[in-house]
Structures are given as C-alpha cells and as structure tokens.
Protein backbone atom coordinates (compact mmCIF):
# COMPACT_ATOMS: atom_id res chain seq x y z
CA MET A 1 -63.56 55.03 202.88
CA LEU A 2 -66.83 55.64 204.86
CA GLU A 3 -66.78 57.95 207.83
CA ILE A 4 -69.04 58.01 210.68
CA ASN A 5 -69.55 61.35 212.56
CA GLU A 6 -70.43 59.89 216.05
CA GLU A 7 -71.54 63.22 217.22
CA ASN A 8 -74.34 63.59 214.63
CA CYS A 9 -75.13 59.83 214.71
CA ILE A 10 -78.13 58.89 216.81
CA GLY A 11 -78.26 55.11 216.18
CA CYS A 12 -81.68 55.34 214.12
CA THR A 13 -80.51 52.10 212.05
CA ILE A 14 -81.85 53.64 208.85
CA CYS A 15 -78.32 53.09 207.06
CA GLU A 16 -78.26 49.37 208.46
CA LYS A 17 -81.65 48.84 206.75
CA VAL A 18 -80.80 50.61 203.49
CA CYS A 19 -77.19 49.00 202.94
CA PRO A 20 -77.52 46.58 200.06
CA PHE A 21 -74.37 44.60 201.28
CA GLY A 22 -74.87 44.32 205.20
CA ALA A 23 -71.84 46.20 205.55
CA ILE A 24 -73.03 48.82 208.07
CA PHE A 25 -74.78 48.24 211.46
CA VAL A 26 -75.47 50.20 214.72
CA ASP A 27 -73.47 48.84 217.81
CA PRO A 28 -76.17 47.91 220.43
CA GLU A 29 -73.86 49.21 223.03
CA ASP A 30 -72.89 52.65 222.04
CA LYS A 31 -75.85 53.24 219.48
CA LYS A 32 -73.36 54.41 216.82
CA ALA A 33 -73.07 53.16 213.23
CA LYS A 34 -69.89 50.82 212.42
CA VAL A 35 -68.56 50.08 208.91
CA LEU A 36 -67.33 46.56 207.83
CA ASP A 37 -64.72 45.73 205.42
CA THR A 38 -67.28 44.55 202.85
CA CYS A 39 -68.44 48.34 202.27
CA THR A 40 -68.41 49.10 198.51
CA LEU A 41 -68.92 52.91 198.74
CA CYS A 42 -71.98 52.78 196.98
CA GLY A 43 -73.48 55.74 198.80
CA ALA A 44 -77.02 54.20 199.69
CA CYS A 45 -76.41 55.11 203.51
CA VAL A 46 -75.03 58.53 202.97
CA ASN A 47 -78.30 59.53 200.89
CA ALA A 48 -80.41 57.81 203.43
CA CYS A 49 -78.93 59.31 206.58
CA ARG A 50 -81.11 62.46 207.85
CA TYR A 51 -78.49 63.57 210.23
CA ASP A 52 -75.36 64.19 208.08
CA ALA A 53 -73.69 61.40 210.19
CA ILE A 54 -72.04 59.34 207.15
CA THR A 55 -69.66 60.85 204.55
CA ILE A 56 -67.55 59.09 201.90
CA LYS A 57 -64.04 60.15 201.65
CA ARG A 58 -62.61 59.11 198.52
CA LYS A 59 -59.01 58.85 197.43
CA THR A 60 -58.08 61.94 195.26
CA VAL A 61 -55.07 62.37 193.22
CA SER A 62 -53.33 65.48 194.01
CA GLU A 63 -52.00 68.04 191.49
CA GLU A 64 -48.52 66.58 192.10
CA ASP A 65 -49.48 63.00 191.43
CA LEU A 66 -51.47 64.02 188.26
CA GLU A 67 -48.36 65.33 186.69
CA LYS A 68 -46.75 61.96 187.00
CA TYR A 69 -49.41 60.42 184.59
CA SER A 70 -49.22 60.92 181.18
CA GLY A 71 -50.09 59.47 177.66
CA ILE A 72 -52.61 57.25 175.97
CA MET A 73 -52.05 53.37 176.09
CA ILE A 74 -53.89 50.87 174.23
CA TRP A 75 -53.73 46.91 174.73
CA GLY A 76 -52.70 45.67 171.32
CA GLU A 77 -54.80 42.46 171.46
CA LEU A 78 -53.67 39.65 169.22
CA GLU A 79 -55.89 36.69 167.75
CA LYS A 80 -55.04 33.64 165.78
CA ASP A 81 -56.00 33.57 161.96
CA GLU A 82 -57.21 30.45 160.40
CA LEU A 83 -53.72 29.16 160.04
CA LYS A 84 -53.00 29.88 163.99
CA ASN A 85 -50.80 32.74 163.10
CA LEU A 86 -51.11 35.75 165.42
CA GLN A 87 -52.57 39.06 163.94
CA ILE A 88 -53.70 42.29 165.57
CA LYS A 89 -57.38 42.63 166.24
CA ASN A 90 -59.08 45.39 164.23
CA VAL A 91 -60.45 47.06 167.50
CA VAL A 92 -56.85 48.01 168.09
CA PHE A 93 -56.78 50.25 164.94
CA GLU A 94 -60.16 51.63 165.96
CA LEU A 95 -58.90 52.79 169.15
CA LEU A 96 -55.74 54.20 167.62
CA GLY A 97 -58.11 56.52 165.62
CA LYS A 98 -60.18 57.64 168.57
CA ALA A 99 -56.80 58.15 170.52
CA GLN A 100 -55.55 60.34 167.79
CA GLU A 101 -58.93 62.47 168.04
CA LEU A 102 -58.44 62.78 171.77
CA ASN A 103 -54.84 63.63 171.43
CA LYS A 104 -55.79 66.90 169.46
CA THR A 105 -56.70 68.14 173.18
CA LEU A 106 -54.24 66.43 175.21
CA ASN A 107 -51.10 66.22 172.87
CA GLU A 108 -49.36 63.18 174.65
CA THR A 109 -47.74 60.11 173.59
CA ILE A 110 -49.84 57.39 172.14
CA SER A 111 -48.72 53.75 172.96
CA VAL A 112 -49.58 50.12 172.16
CA VAL A 113 -48.70 47.39 174.40
CA ILE A 114 -48.18 43.94 172.53
CA LEU A 115 -47.88 40.69 174.50
CA GLY A 116 -46.90 37.23 172.78
CA PRO A 117 -44.21 34.80 172.48
CA PRO A 118 -40.66 35.57 171.09
CA GLY A 119 -40.41 35.30 167.30
CA LYS A 120 -44.36 34.82 166.71
CA ILE A 121 -45.41 38.61 166.95
CA PRO A 122 -46.91 40.09 163.74
CA PRO A 123 -45.09 43.01 162.26
CA ILE A 124 -45.61 46.02 164.39
CA ASP A 125 -44.60 48.74 162.03
CA ILE A 126 -48.64 48.94 160.88
CA LEU A 127 -49.26 50.26 164.31
CA TYR A 128 -47.16 53.25 163.63
CA HIS A 129 -48.87 53.78 160.51
CA TYR A 130 -52.27 53.95 162.28
CA GLY A 131 -51.26 56.41 164.73
CA ALA A 132 -48.95 54.83 167.45
CA ASP A 133 -46.06 56.85 168.67
CA GLU A 134 -44.48 53.89 170.44
CA VAL A 135 -45.00 50.15 170.90
CA PHE A 136 -44.18 48.39 174.19
CA LEU A 137 -43.11 44.76 173.21
CA CYS A 138 -43.69 42.20 176.10
CA GLU A 139 -42.33 38.73 174.79
CA HIS A 140 -42.23 35.58 176.92
CA GLU A 141 -42.99 31.84 176.26
CA LEU A 142 -45.77 31.80 178.60
CA LEU A 143 -47.68 34.67 176.78
CA GLU A 144 -48.23 32.63 173.79
CA ASN A 145 -51.87 31.84 174.87
CA TYR A 146 -54.11 34.52 176.69
CA SER A 147 -54.30 33.85 180.43
CA THR A 148 -55.75 36.14 182.96
CA ASP A 149 -52.92 35.66 185.46
CA GLY A 150 -50.17 36.13 183.18
CA PHE A 151 -51.42 39.12 181.22
CA THR A 152 -52.61 41.05 184.43
CA THR A 153 -49.37 40.66 185.76
CA VAL A 154 -47.40 42.02 182.86
CA ILE A 155 -49.75 44.78 182.06
CA THR A 156 -50.11 45.73 185.65
CA THR A 157 -46.18 45.97 186.07
CA LEU A 158 -45.99 48.15 182.88
CA ILE A 159 -48.73 50.41 183.88
CA ILE A 160 -46.85 51.00 187.21
CA ASN A 161 -43.70 51.86 185.53
CA GLU A 162 -44.97 54.03 182.90
CA LYS A 163 -47.71 55.52 184.44
CA PRO A 164 -50.25 56.24 181.42
CA SER A 165 -52.96 58.71 181.97
CA ILE A 166 -55.41 56.88 179.96
CA PHE A 167 -55.70 53.12 179.09
CA PHE A 168 -58.06 51.47 176.58
CA TYR A 169 -58.92 47.91 175.90
CA GLY A 170 -61.26 46.50 173.20
CA ALA A 171 -64.36 45.14 174.81
CA THR A 172 -63.67 41.69 173.56
CA VAL A 173 -64.02 38.42 175.30
CA ASN A 174 -60.41 38.79 176.55
CA GLY A 175 -60.52 42.49 176.94
CA ARG A 176 -63.69 42.22 179.21
CA ASP A 177 -61.84 39.57 181.29
CA LEU A 178 -58.54 41.38 181.56
CA ALA A 179 -59.55 44.99 182.14
CA PRO A 180 -61.33 44.67 185.45
CA ARG A 181 -58.68 42.30 186.81
CA ILE A 182 -56.19 44.88 186.18
CA ALA A 183 -58.44 47.73 187.68
CA ALA A 184 -58.68 45.74 190.78
CA ARG A 185 -54.84 45.23 190.91
CA ILE A 186 -54.04 48.84 190.73
CA ALA A 187 -57.12 50.25 192.60
CA ALA A 188 -58.11 52.16 189.38
CA GLY A 189 -61.72 53.05 187.95
CA LEU A 190 -63.12 51.29 184.81
CA THR A 191 -66.03 51.82 182.50
CA ALA A 192 -66.79 48.89 180.44
CA ASP A 193 -68.49 48.57 176.93
CA CYS A 194 -68.00 52.43 175.99
CA THR A 195 -69.25 53.78 172.76
CA ALA A 196 -67.83 57.24 172.84
CA PHE A 197 -64.83 59.12 174.46
CA ASP A 198 -64.23 62.86 174.96
CA ILE A 199 -61.93 65.12 176.94
CA ASN A 200 -63.55 67.85 179.08
CA LYS A 201 -62.29 71.10 180.13
CA GLU A 202 -60.26 69.58 183.10
CA LYS A 203 -58.50 67.27 180.57
CA GLN A 204 -60.34 64.29 182.12
CA LEU A 205 -61.46 61.54 180.03
CA VAL A 206 -65.17 61.47 179.56
CA GLN A 207 -66.37 57.76 178.83
CA THR A 208 -69.72 57.21 177.53
CA ARG A 209 -71.81 54.18 177.56
CA PRO A 210 -75.41 52.77 177.49
CA ALA A 211 -77.07 52.53 180.79
CA PHE A 212 -80.44 51.41 182.30
CA GLY A 213 -81.01 48.67 179.58
CA GLY A 214 -79.76 51.13 176.91
CA ASN A 215 -82.39 53.73 177.55
CA ILE A 216 -79.90 56.41 178.50
CA MET A 217 -76.26 57.18 177.65
CA ALA A 218 -74.21 57.80 180.86
CA SER A 219 -71.07 60.07 180.82
CA ILE A 220 -68.56 58.92 183.35
CA ILE A 221 -65.40 60.26 184.63
CA SER A 222 -62.74 58.75 186.97
CA PRO A 223 -61.16 61.78 188.85
CA PHE A 224 -59.81 60.17 191.69
CA THR A 225 -57.66 57.40 190.07
CA ARG A 226 -55.11 57.11 187.23
CA PRO A 227 -54.99 55.49 184.94
CA GLN A 228 -58.42 56.31 183.46
CA MET A 229 -59.50 52.72 182.21
CA ALA A 230 -62.11 51.85 179.79
CA THR A 231 -63.02 49.11 177.37
CA ALA A 232 -64.44 50.06 173.95
CA ARG A 233 -67.04 48.25 171.92
CA PRO A 234 -65.47 46.86 168.52
CA ASN A 235 -66.71 48.51 165.37
CA ASN A 236 -67.83 51.51 167.15
CA PHE A 237 -64.98 53.83 166.11
CA GLN A 238 -63.72 54.41 162.43
CA ILE A 239 -60.17 53.08 161.69
CA PRO A 240 -58.01 55.94 160.62
CA ILE A 241 -56.39 56.60 157.22
CA LYS A 242 -53.24 54.54 156.91
CA ASP A 243 -50.12 56.74 156.83
CA THR A 244 -47.07 54.44 155.77
CA SER A 245 -44.60 57.36 156.37
CA ARG A 246 -45.16 57.44 160.22
CA LYS A 247 -42.39 56.02 162.18
CA GLY A 248 -42.29 55.20 165.79
CA ASP A 249 -40.26 53.86 168.88
CA LEU A 250 -40.04 50.18 169.94
CA LYS A 251 -39.45 49.72 173.57
CA LYS A 252 -38.91 46.05 174.70
CA PHE A 253 -40.12 45.58 178.13
CA GLU A 254 -38.57 42.93 180.20
CA VAL A 255 -41.24 40.52 181.44
CA LYS A 256 -40.63 38.63 184.67
CA ILE A 257 -43.26 35.82 184.93
CA GLU A 258 -42.92 32.42 186.32
CA LYS A 259 -45.02 29.32 185.50
CA GLN A 260 -46.55 29.24 188.90
CA THR A 261 -47.99 32.71 188.18
CA ILE A 262 -50.29 31.24 185.58
CA ARG A 263 -53.12 29.03 187.44
CA THR A 264 -54.79 27.94 184.16
CA LYS A 265 -53.40 25.98 181.35
CA ILE A 266 -54.76 25.34 177.76
CA ILE A 267 -54.76 21.64 177.08
CA GLU A 268 -56.73 21.70 173.83
CA GLU A 269 -58.51 24.09 171.39
CA THR A 270 -61.78 22.99 169.66
CA ILE A 271 -62.97 25.62 167.24
CA SER A 272 -66.74 24.89 166.51
CA LYS A 273 -68.39 25.79 163.25
CA VAL A 274 -70.29 28.63 165.01
CA ASP A 275 -67.28 30.06 166.20
CA THR A 276 -65.69 30.66 162.73
CA ILE A 277 -68.48 33.11 161.98
CA ASN A 278 -67.39 36.49 162.62
CA ILE A 279 -70.25 38.96 161.99
CA GLU A 280 -67.86 41.86 163.26
CA GLU A 281 -65.72 41.64 160.09
CA ALA A 282 -68.79 41.14 157.55
CA ASP A 283 -69.41 43.61 154.86
CA ILE A 284 -73.10 42.55 154.56
CA LEU A 285 -75.47 41.25 157.19
CA VAL A 286 -78.97 40.04 157.00
CA SER A 287 -80.37 40.21 160.52
CA ALA A 288 -83.46 38.50 161.66
CA GLY A 289 -85.82 39.51 164.57
CA LYS A 290 -88.92 38.00 166.21
CA GLY A 291 -90.92 39.33 163.45
CA ILE A 292 -89.81 36.13 161.42
CA GLY A 293 -92.49 34.10 163.17
CA ASN A 294 -90.77 30.65 163.81
CA LYS A 295 -87.41 29.08 163.51
CA GLU A 296 -88.11 27.36 160.39
CA ASN A 297 -88.37 30.63 158.59
CA LEU A 298 -84.70 31.35 159.21
CA LYS A 299 -84.28 29.07 156.01
CA LEU A 300 -85.39 32.42 153.96
CA VAL A 301 -83.05 34.64 156.00
CA LYS A 302 -80.21 32.21 155.44
CA GLU A 303 -81.05 32.08 151.65
CA LEU A 304 -81.06 35.74 151.22
CA ALA A 305 -77.77 36.04 152.96
CA ARG A 306 -76.44 33.51 150.61
CA GLU A 307 -77.57 35.08 147.48
CA ILE A 308 -76.15 38.63 148.23
CA LYS A 309 -72.85 37.04 149.60
CA GLY A 310 -73.55 38.23 153.27
CA ILE A 311 -73.87 36.40 156.69
CA MET A 312 -77.03 36.05 158.82
CA SER A 313 -77.08 37.54 162.10
CA SER A 314 -79.92 38.17 164.68
CA SER A 315 -81.68 40.11 167.43
CA ARG A 316 -81.29 38.96 171.21
CA ALA A 317 -84.96 37.84 170.91
CA LEU A 318 -84.15 34.92 168.68
CA VAL A 319 -81.10 33.95 170.85
CA ASP A 320 -83.20 33.67 173.97
CA LEU A 321 -85.78 31.72 172.16
CA GLY A 322 -82.76 29.16 171.17
CA TRP A 323 -83.40 29.85 167.47
CA THR A 324 -79.86 31.43 166.79
CA SER A 325 -76.56 31.56 168.77
CA HIS A 326 -74.92 34.27 170.80
CA PRO A 327 -71.94 34.49 168.21
CA ILE A 328 -74.38 36.06 165.78
CA GLN A 329 -76.30 38.42 168.06
CA VAL A 330 -76.17 42.07 167.21
CA GLY A 331 -76.76 44.49 169.99
CA GLN A 332 -75.83 45.98 173.45
CA SER A 333 -75.39 42.56 174.93
CA GLY A 334 -74.33 40.79 171.53
CA LYS A 335 -71.90 42.25 169.18
CA THR A 336 -71.17 45.80 167.69
CA VAL A 337 -71.22 45.47 163.72
CA SER A 338 -70.58 48.13 161.09
CA PRO A 339 -71.03 46.45 157.75
CA LYS A 340 -71.50 48.18 154.34
CA LEU A 341 -74.86 46.89 154.20
CA TYR A 342 -77.49 45.79 157.08
CA ILE A 343 -80.66 44.30 156.29
CA ALA A 344 -82.97 44.11 159.22
CA LEU A 345 -85.89 41.58 158.85
CA GLY A 346 -88.76 41.73 161.31
CA ILE A 347 -86.72 43.75 163.85
CA SER A 348 -88.63 46.37 165.66
CA GLY A 349 -85.69 48.55 166.46
CA ALA A 350 -85.20 48.64 170.17
CA ILE A 351 -82.41 50.98 171.42
CA GLN A 352 -80.40 47.85 172.70
CA HIS A 353 -80.33 46.61 169.19
CA LEU A 354 -79.63 49.87 167.49
CA VAL A 355 -76.68 50.52 169.48
CA GLY A 356 -75.04 47.41 168.20
CA MET A 357 -75.43 48.30 164.49
CA LYS A 358 -75.72 52.11 164.21
CA SER A 359 -72.39 52.34 162.52
CA SER A 360 -73.67 50.38 159.40
CA ASP A 361 -73.22 52.47 156.13
CA ILE A 362 -76.66 51.50 154.56
CA LEU A 363 -79.75 50.06 156.64
CA ILE A 364 -82.46 48.62 154.99
CA ALA A 365 -85.55 47.57 157.13
CA ILE A 366 -88.57 45.51 156.42
CA ASN A 367 -91.36 45.35 158.94
CA THR A 368 -95.20 44.96 158.94
CA ASP A 369 -95.51 47.74 161.42
CA PRO A 370 -95.24 51.30 159.94
CA GLU A 371 -94.58 52.70 163.35
CA ALA A 372 -91.46 50.35 164.09
CA PRO A 373 -88.71 52.52 165.56
CA ILE A 374 -86.29 50.95 163.09
CA PHE A 375 -87.78 52.96 160.35
CA LYS A 376 -86.66 56.15 161.99
CA VAL A 377 -82.81 55.20 161.44
CA ALA A 378 -83.23 53.16 158.27
CA ASP A 379 -81.93 54.42 154.88
CA PHE A 380 -84.44 52.68 153.00
CA GLY A 381 -87.69 51.15 154.96
CA ILE A 382 -90.30 48.66 153.59
CA VAL A 383 -93.45 48.22 155.18
CA GLY A 384 -94.62 44.78 154.39
CA ASP A 385 -94.59 40.98 154.90
CA ILE A 386 -90.90 39.60 154.52
CA PHE A 387 -92.34 36.36 153.31
CA GLU A 388 -93.84 38.08 150.24
CA ILE A 389 -91.07 40.69 149.68
CA ILE A 390 -88.04 38.56 150.06
CA PRO A 391 -89.00 35.64 147.75
CA GLN A 392 -89.86 38.24 145.01
CA PHE A 393 -86.53 39.90 145.39
CA LEU A 394 -84.60 36.47 145.35
CA LYS A 395 -86.72 35.79 142.18
CA GLN A 396 -85.72 38.98 140.41
CA LEU A 397 -82.19 38.80 141.60
CA ARG A 398 -81.78 35.24 139.97
CA ALA A 399 -83.57 36.39 136.80
CA GLU A 400 -80.83 39.32 136.38
CA ARG A 401 -77.89 36.82 136.94
CA ARG A 402 -79.14 34.56 134.28
CA LYS A 403 -79.24 37.32 131.76
CA ASN A 404 -75.61 38.31 132.62
C-alpha cells in the first residue's frame, strides 16, 4: 500500500501531476496528499517526491509463511488433435525439463495439474517419464472445453490447498488468458512470456523475459508473494530425455464447480485452414521478411517450402502489411519455433524476430545486405538476391530428384 507521511508532505502537488492513473491528489483543505483505491503502486509518485513523504509498503512473506510453500507445479495444458481427442501440449514437457534443472538447486516435488472431462484424459504416465513426481487429476464434465472461469476456479482452489512455491504455464493462447486471472485471484505476481529461468542464492525464481521491444532482457523476481508464477514461451526449452522407468503418484483432486460458475459457453467450433498450420511443430521453416519486395513474391517462398517439405512462416513486417497471417508469424509478438532447419529470406534479423527462432538447429540466411544482423547468428549466410538464388536452387534440387 502507498503511505503518506503527513509531517513531511507540504502539498506541492508534484505527486498529483506525475501519477499516470490519477490515483493521488492533494486535499485543498489540509494540503496533504491522499491516495485513492485506483493506485497501482507503480512508484512514479515515490520517485518524484522531493520530501520523502511517500513510501510503498509492500506485502512481504514472512520466513514462517515461506516454509509453507514448496514444490514446482505446471499446468498440463491439453489440446485437441485432428480427431478431437485430447493430448498433452509439447510446452508441458519443455517445462518439465526446465523444472528438473531448477530442482537440482531446490530439491522439491515437481507436479503437473491436468484438467479435463472424465474418461477423456490422455495417458498420464508419460508425464512421469519426462520428470513429474506427481500428477493432480481434476476431472469434471464442465472442464471438457477450456473456459477462463472454470479453469481459474479449479486451479486457484488447488493452489490454495497445495501451496506450491513455483507455478508455470505455457505462454499459449489459453495460458496467457488463464495465468493473469489466477494471479489476480490469489494476489500473486506474474511474469509473462519468459525465455529463461534460474534460482538465485536466496532460492527465489529468477524470471527472464525480453523488455523494451526486445532490446534488453529483464530478470524479475517475486519476493513478496507465493507462488512465484510465470508463463514460458513454447519451443524455448529442450524436452528432456524420456525415462520410461520413472514412476509417480496420481492424486485425484475433488472438483467442486457449478454450471453458473462458467459464464461462457462454446456453441460451435470452426477450424479455419490457417488455424491448422502449426509452425511451432514444424521441422523445416522457410520464413519471409520484408526483403521479398511484394506479396506476389510469396509464391516463390511457398514453392521452396513445398519442395523441401517445409512450412512457410514470416516476420511481423509481412503480417502488418497484410501479406501473411498472425498464425505463421515468428518472433516476440508471434510464435517461438525450434525447427531443425530455418531458412530466412529477406529478414534483417531484428532482436524481436531472433528471440522467436534462436533455438533453431540450423539457420540459413539469404539477404542482399552484407551487414544484416541475421548473418551474425546464421550458421550459413548467403549475400545475394533471393530471386536469383532460390530459382537456381530449385532447378538443381529437381534435377537431382530426376536422377534418383
């Protein structure tokens, strides 16, 4: 909470002027600053006050309270396959791998929380094989489809009961919706779109994410609340080696939820052709940037992708121009990918794009600008015109195929 030292406050109104939310004002009668309920504790007024009249008193977790929280918990997000059967998303296995790394310092229990309808949950033994010590199974008919209200209610109740020290979500469409709602419900901190995690000497979770448009990497801790919560970008961490000998504990969590709790209802699902393209799972991506010149030239990009059995993706520049769609955008504001082969055509290599594909096994870049930043990270770089290089490559590729 924001505290005003009335002895120090002289009613200068500087705090009132700098508050971006209009949450502090100077009372005209007593000439003292007053705080409204809309205060977000941003600290702008604290920094501006020259008289040390304003301080932020944050909620702290006592040593006794900290001891009540233990373990790393992961939301085991499910998705429907082409046959509409539920399966575990890859990001869950990635987070299990990272949890195992962190647990070398913490030595605590790693848990996965699975929500879904009775009888339709995919086999959970695979979660033990990839590092889970226990699985909390939350089954209910109302959990067949994802809903913000239903999933928030169940996971919030579980967190309050089990008191994990760390809770991870994948930064998926649903994860980005669910995590902040739970954080608000339990008054916990949340760091979104993380690309790295570590444990410091105080055994706090250090959460790293791009900031200021991707120009810096910010390391964030949540020392005042528990659990420490974060969403992690998919395809950013390695999936651990599968160990089929590992066993774990299954804990069935009693779900108490009513129809009235869920304020939304899915009437119909329509899957567009674009939505079926999943660049996050692709082994080969051919990605186009603004250097391709115009929308018509995307035909060459698609042709190359088809010939090498890959998928076309793009930078944000093409999405902003309306030449490509967001589901195939790679980068900070798009998707994070980790293909075996990534071919960048006419992409300069801004940090916002690189953060989305830095985990690629092999990066080939073609650009006319020899000073393009993409060449600093590329495994193979070709300085030249893609409209001369790609047709020659396709011609040679087809000739080789005819020989064989």
